[in-house]
Amino acid sequence: MDPYLASLIERLGDEDPIAVLQATPARLSELAERLGPEGWDAEVSPGGWSFAETLAHLADVELAMGFRLRQAVAGEPTVQAFDQDAWARRYRRLDASLALEMLRAARAWNLALFATFDLDDWLRDVVHPERGPESVDAVVRYLAAHDLRHLDRLVALLG
């Protein structure tokens, strides 16, 4: 398994991925409120993305993963990769509050989709062009673990 994905799965541990995905928008809203508008530009780590840029990244990942999962359950054999750094180049020029709104809406829509999955859907494999075959279940677990990884960093920002 890809080392990055293995570290994500380790971070998820025994947590229910659906519960994590359901909780993330509210946790982000709480963090946004605690930081206040002046804190949104604070870098999460030295030289890293700000809180606002992280929100934009999470919104973009939600879009991308939702699309991939729809491709998978539609029977498309290969999903599309994306360059997160190329997508991030515009984040500083965007209103991050819109990213948070979009994440809330897209996450709710994706969770509604996941609720329709049967066992065959969860076990369906799709090929990622860089990582190879991945099951729908694994992709959902990666998404939840990705949330946790960024939430950990954002919580640390608050000290």
N, C-alpha and C. Protein backbone atom coordinates (compact mmCIF):
# COMPACT_ATOMS: atom_id res chain seq x y z
N MET A 1 0.84 -1.18 0.00
CA MET A 1 0.00 0.00 0.00
C MET A 1 0.89 1.24 0.00
N ASP A 2 0.42 2.26 -0.68
CA ASP A 2 1.09 3.55 -0.71
C ASP A 2 1.33 4.02 0.73
N PRO A 3 2.57 4.48 1.06
CA PRO A 3 2.88 4.88 2.44
C PRO A 3 1.97 6.00 2.98
N TYR A 4 1.63 6.96 2.13
CA TYR A 4 0.74 8.03 2.56
C TYR A 4 -0.63 7.48 2.94
N LEU A 5 -1.17 6.61 2.09
CA LEU A 5 -2.48 6.03 2.38
C LEU A 5 -2.43 5.14 3.61
N ALA A 6 -1.32 4.42 3.78
CA ALA A 6 -1.17 3.58 4.97
C ALA A 6 -1.18 4.44 6.24
N SER A 7 -0.52 5.60 6.18
CA SER A 7 -0.51 6.47 7.36
C SER A 7 -1.91 7.05 7.62
N LEU A 8 -2.66 7.30 6.57
CA LEU A 8 -4.03 7.78 6.75
C LEU A 8 -4.89 6.71 7.43
N ILE A 9 -4.79 5.49 6.95
CA ILE A 9 -5.58 4.40 7.51
C ILE A 9 -5.19 4.18 8.97
N GLU A 10 -3.92 4.31 9.26
CA GLU A 10 -3.46 4.19 10.65
C GLU A 10 -4.11 5.27 11.51
N ARG A 11 -4.18 6.50 11.00
CA ARG A 11 -4.79 7.60 11.74
C ARG A 11 -6.28 7.35 11.99
N LEU A 12 -6.96 6.75 11.02
CA LEU A 12 -8.38 6.45 11.18
C LEU A 12 -8.59 5.41 12.27
N GLY A 13 -7.69 4.43 12.31
CA GLY A 13 -7.81 3.38 13.33
C GLY A 13 -9.15 2.70 13.28
N ASP A 14 -9.79 2.58 14.44
CA ASP A 14 -11.09 1.90 14.54
C ASP A 14 -12.27 2.86 14.44
N GLU A 15 -12.00 4.14 14.14
CA GLU A 15 -13.10 5.09 14.05
C GLU A 15 -13.98 4.75 12.84
N ASP A 16 -15.26 4.99 13.01
CA ASP A 16 -16.23 4.75 11.94
C ASP A 16 -16.06 5.86 10.90
N PRO A 17 -15.68 5.52 9.67
CA PRO A 17 -15.43 6.56 8.66
C PRO A 17 -16.66 7.42 8.38
N ILE A 18 -17.84 6.83 8.40
CA ILE A 18 -19.05 7.61 8.12
C ILE A 18 -19.28 8.61 9.25
N ALA A 19 -19.08 8.20 10.49
CA ALA A 19 -19.23 9.13 11.62
C ALA A 19 -18.24 10.28 11.53
N VAL A 20 -17.01 9.97 11.13
CA VAL A 20 -16.00 11.02 10.95
C VAL A 20 -16.46 12.00 9.87
N LEU A 21 -16.91 11.46 8.74
CA LEU A 21 -17.34 12.31 7.63
C LEU A 21 -18.54 13.16 8.02
N GLN A 22 -19.45 12.61 8.81
CA GLN A 22 -20.61 13.38 9.26
C GLN A 22 -20.20 14.52 10.19
N ALA A 23 -19.21 14.29 11.03
CA ALA A 23 -18.81 15.26 12.06
C ALA A 23 -17.91 16.38 11.53
N THR A 24 -17.20 16.14 10.47
CA THR A 24 -16.19 17.10 10.01
C THR A 24 -16.73 18.50 9.74
N PRO A 25 -17.80 18.69 9.00
CA PRO A 25 -18.25 20.07 8.74
C PRO A 25 -18.51 20.88 10.02
N ALA A 26 -19.14 20.25 11.00
CA ALA A 26 -19.41 20.96 12.26
C ALA A 26 -18.11 21.27 12.99
N ARG A 27 -17.18 20.34 12.97
CA ARG A 27 -15.88 20.59 13.63
C ARG A 27 -15.15 21.74 12.94
N LEU A 28 -15.20 21.78 11.61
CA LEU A 28 -14.56 22.89 10.89
C LEU A 28 -15.23 24.22 11.20
N SER A 29 -16.54 24.21 11.28
CA SER A 29 -17.26 25.44 11.61
C SER A 29 -16.87 25.93 13.01
N GLU A 30 -16.77 25.01 13.94
CA GLU A 30 -16.37 25.38 15.31
C GLU A 30 -14.96 25.96 15.32
N LEU A 31 -14.04 25.33 14.60
CA LEU A 31 -12.67 25.84 14.53
C LEU A 31 -12.63 27.21 13.87
N ALA A 32 -13.41 27.39 12.81
CA ALA A 32 -13.47 28.68 12.12
C ALA A 32 -13.95 29.77 13.07
N GLU A 33 -14.96 29.46 13.86
CA GLU A 33 -15.49 30.43 14.81
C GLU A 33 -14.47 30.75 15.89
N ARG A 34 -13.80 29.72 16.40
CA ARG A 34 -12.80 29.94 17.45
C ARG A 34 -11.62 30.77 16.94
N LEU A 35 -11.23 30.56 15.70
CA LEU A 35 -10.12 31.33 15.12
C LEU A 35 -10.51 32.77 14.84
N GLY A 36 -11.75 32.96 14.44
CA GLY A 36 -12.19 34.29 14.03
C GLY A 36 -11.61 34.65 12.68
N PRO A 37 -12.21 35.61 11.99
CA PRO A 37 -11.77 35.96 10.63
C PRO A 37 -10.28 36.32 10.55
N GLU A 38 -9.75 36.95 11.58
CA GLU A 38 -8.33 37.33 11.54
C GLU A 38 -7.41 36.11 11.61
N GLY A 39 -7.91 34.99 12.12
CA GLY A 39 -7.09 33.79 12.24
C GLY A 39 -7.10 32.89 11.02
N TRP A 40 -7.97 33.20 10.06
CA TRP A 40 -8.08 32.33 8.89
C TRP A 40 -6.83 32.34 8.02
N ASP A 41 -6.05 33.39 8.10
CA ASP A 41 -4.83 33.47 7.30
C ASP A 41 -3.62 32.87 8.00
N ALA A 42 -3.78 32.41 9.23
CA ALA A 42 -2.67 31.81 9.97
C ALA A 42 -2.25 30.50 9.31
N GLU A 43 -0.94 30.35 9.13
CA GLU A 43 -0.43 29.11 8.53
C GLU A 43 -0.58 27.97 9.52
N VAL A 44 -1.04 26.84 9.03
CA VAL A 44 -1.23 25.67 9.87
C VAL A 44 0.12 25.11 10.31
N SER A 45 1.10 25.19 9.44
CA SER A 45 2.48 24.83 9.76
C SER A 45 3.38 25.81 9.01
N PRO A 46 4.59 26.01 9.50
CA PRO A 46 5.49 26.98 8.83
C PRO A 46 5.65 26.67 7.34
N GLY A 47 5.35 27.66 6.51
CA GLY A 47 5.44 27.50 5.07
C GLY A 47 4.31 26.69 4.47
N GLY A 48 3.34 26.29 5.30
CA GLY A 48 2.23 25.48 4.82
C GLY A 48 1.00 26.31 4.51
N TRP A 49 -0.08 25.61 4.27
CA TRP A 49 -1.33 26.28 3.97
C TRP A 49 -1.88 26.96 5.20
N SER A 50 -2.63 28.01 4.98
CA SER A 50 -3.36 28.68 6.06
C SER A 50 -4.62 27.88 6.37
N PHE A 51 -5.31 28.30 7.43
CA PHE A 51 -6.59 27.70 7.75
C PHE A 51 -7.54 27.82 6.56
N ALA A 52 -7.60 29.02 5.96
CA ALA A 52 -8.48 29.27 4.82
C ALA A 52 -8.12 28.37 3.64
N GLU A 53 -6.83 28.24 3.37
CA GLU A 53 -6.40 27.38 2.26
C GLU A 53 -6.71 25.91 2.54
N THR A 54 -6.61 25.51 3.80
CA THR A 54 -6.95 24.14 4.16
C THR A 54 -8.44 23.89 3.94
N LEU A 55 -9.28 24.87 4.28
CA LEU A 55 -10.72 24.73 4.00
C LEU A 55 -10.96 24.55 2.50
N ALA A 56 -10.27 25.34 1.70
CA ALA A 56 -10.43 25.23 0.24
C ALA A 56 -9.97 23.86 -0.25
N HIS A 57 -8.86 23.39 0.30
CA HIS A 57 -8.36 22.07 -0.07
C HIS A 57 -9.38 20.98 0.29
N LEU A 58 -9.92 21.05 1.49
CA LEU A 58 -10.90 20.04 1.90
C LEU A 58 -12.14 20.08 1.02
N ALA A 59 -12.56 21.27 0.62
CA ALA A 59 -13.70 21.39 -0.28
C ALA A 59 -13.38 20.77 -1.64
N ASP A 60 -12.19 21.04 -2.15
CA ASP A 60 -11.79 20.46 -3.44
C ASP A 60 -11.69 18.94 -3.37
N VAL A 61 -11.14 18.44 -2.29
CA VAL A 61 -11.02 16.99 -2.13
C VAL A 61 -12.41 16.35 -2.07
N GLU A 62 -13.34 17.03 -1.40
CA GLU A 62 -14.72 16.50 -1.34
C GLU A 62 -15.31 16.40 -2.75
N LEU A 63 -15.09 17.43 -3.56
CA LEU A 63 -15.56 17.38 -4.95
C LEU A 63 -14.91 16.22 -5.71
N ALA A 64 -13.60 16.13 -5.60
CA ALA A 64 -12.87 15.12 -6.35
C ALA A 64 -13.25 13.71 -5.92
N MET A 65 -13.32 13.48 -4.61
CA MET A 65 -13.66 12.14 -4.13
C MET A 65 -15.11 11.78 -4.46
N GLY A 66 -16.00 12.76 -4.36
CA GLY A 66 -17.38 12.49 -4.75
C GLY A 66 -17.48 12.07 -6.20
N PHE A 67 -16.73 12.76 -7.05
CA PHE A 67 -16.72 12.40 -8.47
C PHE A 67 -16.14 11.00 -8.67
N ARG A 68 -15.01 10.72 -8.00
CA ARG A 68 -14.39 9.40 -8.14
C ARG A 68 -15.34 8.29 -7.69
N LEU A 69 -16.00 8.51 -6.56
CA LEU A 69 -16.90 7.47 -6.05
C LEU A 69 -18.09 7.27 -6.97
N ARG A 70 -18.55 8.34 -7.58
CA ARG A 70 -19.63 8.21 -8.56
C ARG A 70 -19.15 7.44 -9.79
N GLN A 71 -17.92 7.71 -10.21
CA GLN A 71 -17.34 6.95 -11.32
C GLN A 71 -17.29 5.46 -10.97
N ALA A 72 -16.85 5.18 -9.75
CA ALA A 72 -16.68 3.79 -9.33
C ALA A 72 -18.00 3.04 -9.33
N VAL A 73 -19.03 3.59 -8.70
CA VAL A 73 -20.30 2.85 -8.61
C VAL A 73 -21.06 2.84 -9.93
N ALA A 74 -20.65 3.72 -10.85
CA ALA A 74 -21.24 3.68 -12.20
C ALA A 74 -20.55 2.64 -13.07
N GLY A 75 -19.51 2.01 -12.53
CA GLY A 75 -18.82 0.96 -13.26
C GLY A 75 -17.69 1.44 -14.14
N GLU A 76 -17.30 2.70 -13.99
CA GLU A 76 -16.16 3.18 -14.77
C GLU A 76 -14.89 2.60 -14.16
N PRO A 77 -14.03 2.00 -14.96
CA PRO A 77 -12.92 1.24 -14.40
C PRO A 77 -11.77 2.08 -13.83
N THR A 78 -11.61 3.30 -14.30
CA THR A 78 -10.48 4.12 -13.87
C THR A 78 -10.98 5.49 -13.42
N VAL A 79 -10.42 5.96 -12.31
CA VAL A 79 -10.76 7.29 -11.82
C VAL A 79 -9.67 8.27 -12.23
N GLN A 80 -9.94 9.52 -12.06
CA GLN A 80 -9.02 10.57 -12.49
C GLN A 80 -8.23 11.09 -11.29
N ALA A 81 -6.93 11.23 -11.46
CA ALA A 81 -6.07 11.84 -10.45
C ALA A 81 -6.13 13.36 -10.62
N PHE A 82 -5.65 14.08 -9.59
CA PHE A 82 -5.55 15.53 -9.71
C PHE A 82 -4.33 16.00 -8.94
N ASP A 83 -3.82 17.15 -9.33
CA ASP A 83 -2.64 17.74 -8.71
C ASP A 83 -3.10 18.76 -7.68
N GLN A 84 -3.07 18.38 -6.40
CA GLN A 84 -3.58 19.26 -5.36
C GLN A 84 -2.84 20.58 -5.30
N ASP A 85 -1.55 20.57 -5.59
CA ASP A 85 -0.78 21.82 -5.55
C ASP A 85 -1.19 22.77 -6.67
N ALA A 86 -1.49 22.22 -7.83
CA ALA A 86 -1.96 23.07 -8.93
C ALA A 86 -3.33 23.66 -8.59
N TRP A 87 -4.19 22.87 -7.98
CA TRP A 87 -5.50 23.37 -7.58
C TRP A 87 -5.35 24.45 -6.51
N ALA A 88 -4.36 24.29 -5.64
CA ALA A 88 -4.18 25.21 -4.51
C ALA A 88 -3.64 26.59 -4.90
N ARG A 89 -3.11 26.73 -6.08
CA ARG A 89 -2.51 28.01 -6.48
C ARG A 89 -3.49 29.19 -6.40
N ARG A 90 -4.75 28.94 -6.51
CA ARG A 90 -5.76 30.01 -6.51
C ARG A 90 -6.41 30.22 -5.14
N TYR A 91 -6.11 29.37 -4.18
CA TYR A 91 -6.82 29.42 -2.90
C TYR A 91 -6.75 30.79 -2.22
N ARG A 92 -5.61 31.46 -2.28
CA ARG A 92 -5.48 32.75 -1.58
C ARG A 92 -6.39 33.83 -2.18
N ARG A 93 -6.84 33.61 -3.42
CA ARG A 93 -7.70 34.60 -4.07
C ARG A 93 -9.19 34.26 -3.94
N LEU A 94 -9.48 33.21 -3.22
CA LEU A 94 -10.87 32.76 -3.08
C LEU A 94 -11.39 33.04 -1.67
N ASP A 95 -12.68 33.16 -1.55
CA ASP A 95 -13.34 33.36 -0.27
C ASP A 95 -13.51 32.01 0.40
N ALA A 96 -12.75 31.76 1.45
CA ALA A 96 -12.76 30.45 2.11
C ALA A 96 -14.09 30.15 2.78
N SER A 97 -14.88 31.19 3.10
CA SER A 97 -16.19 30.90 3.69
C SER A 97 -17.07 30.15 2.67
N LEU A 98 -16.86 30.42 1.39
CA LEU A 98 -17.58 29.68 0.36
C LEU A 98 -17.13 28.22 0.32
N ALA A 99 -15.84 28.00 0.57
CA ALA A 99 -15.33 26.62 0.61
C ALA A 99 -16.00 25.84 1.73
N LEU A 100 -16.17 26.48 2.88
CA LEU A 100 -16.81 25.81 3.99
C LEU A 100 -18.27 25.49 3.67
N GLU A 101 -18.97 26.43 3.05
CA GLU A 101 -20.36 26.18 2.64
C GLU A 101 -20.43 25.05 1.62
N MET A 102 -19.52 25.07 0.65
CA MET A 102 -19.52 24.03 -0.39
C MET A 102 -19.22 22.67 0.22
N LEU A 103 -18.26 22.64 1.15
CA LEU A 103 -17.93 21.37 1.80
C LEU A 103 -19.14 20.82 2.53
N ARG A 104 -19.85 21.67 3.26
CA ARG A 104 -21.05 21.21 3.99
C ARG A 104 -22.06 20.58 3.01
N ALA A 105 -22.33 21.29 1.92
CA ALA A 105 -23.33 20.81 0.97
C ALA A 105 -22.86 19.55 0.25
N ALA A 106 -21.64 19.56 -0.25
CA ALA A 106 -21.13 18.39 -0.98
C ALA A 106 -21.00 17.18 -0.06
N ARG A 107 -20.59 17.41 1.18
CA ARG A 107 -20.47 16.29 2.12
C ARG A 107 -21.84 15.68 2.39
N ALA A 108 -22.84 16.50 2.59
CA ALA A 108 -24.19 15.98 2.82
C ALA A 108 -24.66 15.17 1.61
N TRP A 109 -24.39 15.68 0.42
CA TRP A 109 -24.78 15.00 -0.82
C TRP A 109 -24.04 13.67 -0.96
N ASN A 110 -22.73 13.69 -0.67
CA ASN A 110 -21.94 12.45 -0.76
C ASN A 110 -22.39 11.43 0.28
N LEU A 111 -22.68 11.88 1.51
CA LEU A 111 -23.15 10.94 2.53
C LEU A 111 -24.49 10.33 2.13
N ALA A 112 -25.35 11.12 1.51
CA ALA A 112 -26.62 10.58 1.02
C ALA A 112 -26.35 9.51 -0.04
N LEU A 113 -25.38 9.75 -0.90
CA LEU A 113 -25.01 8.75 -1.90
C LEU A 113 -24.51 7.48 -1.23
N PHE A 114 -23.60 7.62 -0.27
CA PHE A 114 -23.03 6.45 0.39
C PHE A 114 -24.12 5.59 1.04
N ALA A 115 -25.17 6.23 1.52
CA ALA A 115 -26.26 5.50 2.17
C ALA A 115 -27.01 4.60 1.18
N THR A 116 -26.85 4.85 -0.12
CA THR A 116 -27.51 4.00 -1.13
C THR A 116 -26.65 2.81 -1.54
N PHE A 117 -25.39 2.78 -1.12
CA PHE A 117 -24.48 1.73 -1.55
C PHE A 117 -24.89 0.39 -0.96
N ASP A 118 -24.85 -0.64 -1.81
CA ASP A 118 -25.03 -2.00 -1.31
C ASP A 118 -23.63 -2.63 -1.19
N LEU A 119 -23.59 -3.87 -0.75
CA LEU A 119 -22.30 -4.52 -0.51
C LEU A 119 -21.44 -4.55 -1.77
N ASP A 120 -22.06 -4.82 -2.92
CA ASP A 120 -21.30 -4.85 -4.17
C ASP A 120 -20.66 -3.49 -4.46
N ASP A 121 -21.38 -2.41 -4.16
CA ASP A 121 -20.81 -1.07 -4.37
C ASP A 121 -19.59 -0.86 -3.47
N TRP A 122 -19.74 -1.20 -2.19
CA TRP A 122 -18.63 -0.99 -1.24
C TRP A 122 -17.39 -1.79 -1.64
N LEU A 123 -17.60 -2.97 -2.22
CA LEU A 123 -16.48 -3.83 -2.57
C LEU A 123 -15.94 -3.58 -3.97
N ARG A 124 -16.64 -2.77 -4.75
CA ARG A 124 -16.24 -2.51 -6.13
C ARG A 124 -14.85 -1.87 -6.16
N ASP A 125 -14.01 -2.38 -7.04
CA ASP A 125 -12.67 -1.80 -7.24
C ASP A 125 -12.69 -0.83 -8.41
N VAL A 126 -11.90 0.19 -8.26
CA VAL A 126 -11.66 1.16 -9.31
C VAL A 126 -10.15 1.36 -9.36
N VAL A 127 -9.62 1.72 -10.51
CA VAL A 127 -8.18 1.87 -10.63
C VAL A 127 -7.81 3.35 -10.57
N HIS A 128 -6.98 3.67 -9.59
CA HIS A 128 -6.41 5.02 -9.50
C HIS A 128 -5.15 4.99 -10.37
N PRO A 129 -4.95 5.98 -11.26
CA PRO A 129 -3.83 5.92 -12.20
C PRO A 129 -2.45 5.91 -11.56
N GLU A 130 -2.34 6.39 -10.33
CA GLU A 130 -1.03 6.41 -9.66
C GLU A 130 -0.88 5.31 -8.61
N ARG A 131 -2.00 4.86 -8.03
CA ARG A 131 -1.94 3.92 -6.90
C ARG A 131 -2.46 2.53 -7.23
N GLY A 132 -3.11 2.39 -8.37
CA GLY A 132 -3.64 1.09 -8.72
C GLY A 132 -5.04 0.86 -8.17
N PRO A 133 -5.46 -0.42 -8.05
CA PRO A 133 -6.82 -0.73 -7.63
C PRO A 133 -7.11 -0.30 -6.19
N GLU A 134 -8.31 0.25 -6.00
CA GLU A 134 -8.78 0.64 -4.67
C GLU A 134 -10.28 0.34 -4.63
N SER A 135 -10.74 -0.18 -3.51
CA SER A 135 -12.18 -0.42 -3.36
C SER A 135 -12.87 0.89 -2.97
N VAL A 136 -14.16 0.94 -3.23
CA VAL A 136 -14.96 2.09 -2.82
C VAL A 136 -14.83 2.25 -1.30
N ASP A 137 -14.89 1.14 -0.57
CA ASP A 137 -14.73 1.20 0.88
C ASP A 137 -13.41 1.86 1.27
N ALA A 138 -12.33 1.50 0.60
CA ALA A 138 -11.03 2.10 0.91
C ALA A 138 -11.02 3.59 0.62
N VAL A 139 -11.62 4.00 -0.48
CA VAL A 139 -11.64 5.41 -0.84
C VAL A 139 -12.40 6.21 0.22
N VAL A 140 -13.52 5.69 0.70
CA VAL A 140 -14.28 6.38 1.75
C VAL A 140 -13.46 6.45 3.03
N ARG A 141 -12.76 5.38 3.36
CA ARG A 141 -11.89 5.39 4.55
C ARG A 141 -10.77 6.42 4.39
N TYR A 142 -10.17 6.50 3.21
CA TYR A 142 -9.12 7.50 2.97
C TYR A 142 -9.67 8.91 3.16
N LEU A 143 -10.87 9.14 2.66
CA LEU A 143 -11.48 10.46 2.78
C LEU A 143 -11.68 10.83 4.25
N ALA A 144 -12.18 9.90 5.05
CA ALA A 144 -12.38 10.16 6.48
C ALA A 144 -11.05 10.39 7.18
N ALA A 145 -10.07 9.58 6.87
CA ALA A 145 -8.76 9.74 7.49
C ALA A 145 -8.10 11.05 7.07
N HIS A 146 -8.31 11.45 5.84
CA HIS A 146 -7.80 12.73 5.34
C HIS A 146 -8.41 13.87 6.16
N ASP A 147 -9.71 13.79 6.43
CA ASP A 147 -10.36 14.78 7.29
C ASP A 147 -9.64 14.84 8.63
N LEU A 148 -9.44 13.68 9.25
CA LEU A 148 -8.82 13.64 10.58
C LEU A 148 -7.41 14.23 10.57
N ARG A 149 -6.66 13.92 9.54
CA ARG A 149 -5.29 14.46 9.46
C ARG A 149 -5.31 15.98 9.44
N HIS A 150 -6.18 16.55 8.61
CA HIS A 150 -6.24 18.02 8.55
C HIS A 150 -6.86 18.61 9.82
N LEU A 151 -7.86 17.96 10.37
CA LEU A 151 -8.44 18.45 11.62
C LEU A 151 -7.40 18.46 12.74
N ASP A 152 -6.57 17.43 12.82
CA ASP A 152 -5.50 17.39 13.82
C ASP A 152 -4.61 18.62 13.70
N ARG A 153 -4.24 18.94 12.47
CA ARG A 153 -3.36 20.10 12.23
C ARG A 153 -4.06 21.40 12.58
N LEU A 154 -5.34 21.50 12.25
CA LEU A 154 -6.08 22.72 12.53
C LEU A 154 -6.29 22.92 14.02
N VAL A 155 -6.55 21.85 14.74
CA VAL A 155 -6.71 21.94 16.19
C VAL A 155 -5.38 22.40 16.82
N ALA A 156 -4.28 21.88 16.30
CA ALA A 156 -2.96 22.28 16.81
C ALA A 156 -2.71 23.77 16.61
N LEU A 157 -3.27 24.32 15.56
CA LEU A 157 -3.13 25.75 15.28
C LEU A 157 -3.70 26.59 16.43
N LEU A 158 -4.74 26.09 17.05
CA LEU A 158 -5.37 26.81 18.16
C LEU A 158 -4.59 26.67 19.47
N GLY A 159 -3.63 25.75 19.46
CA GLY A 159 -2.80 25.59 20.65
C GLY A 159 -3.49 24.78 21.63
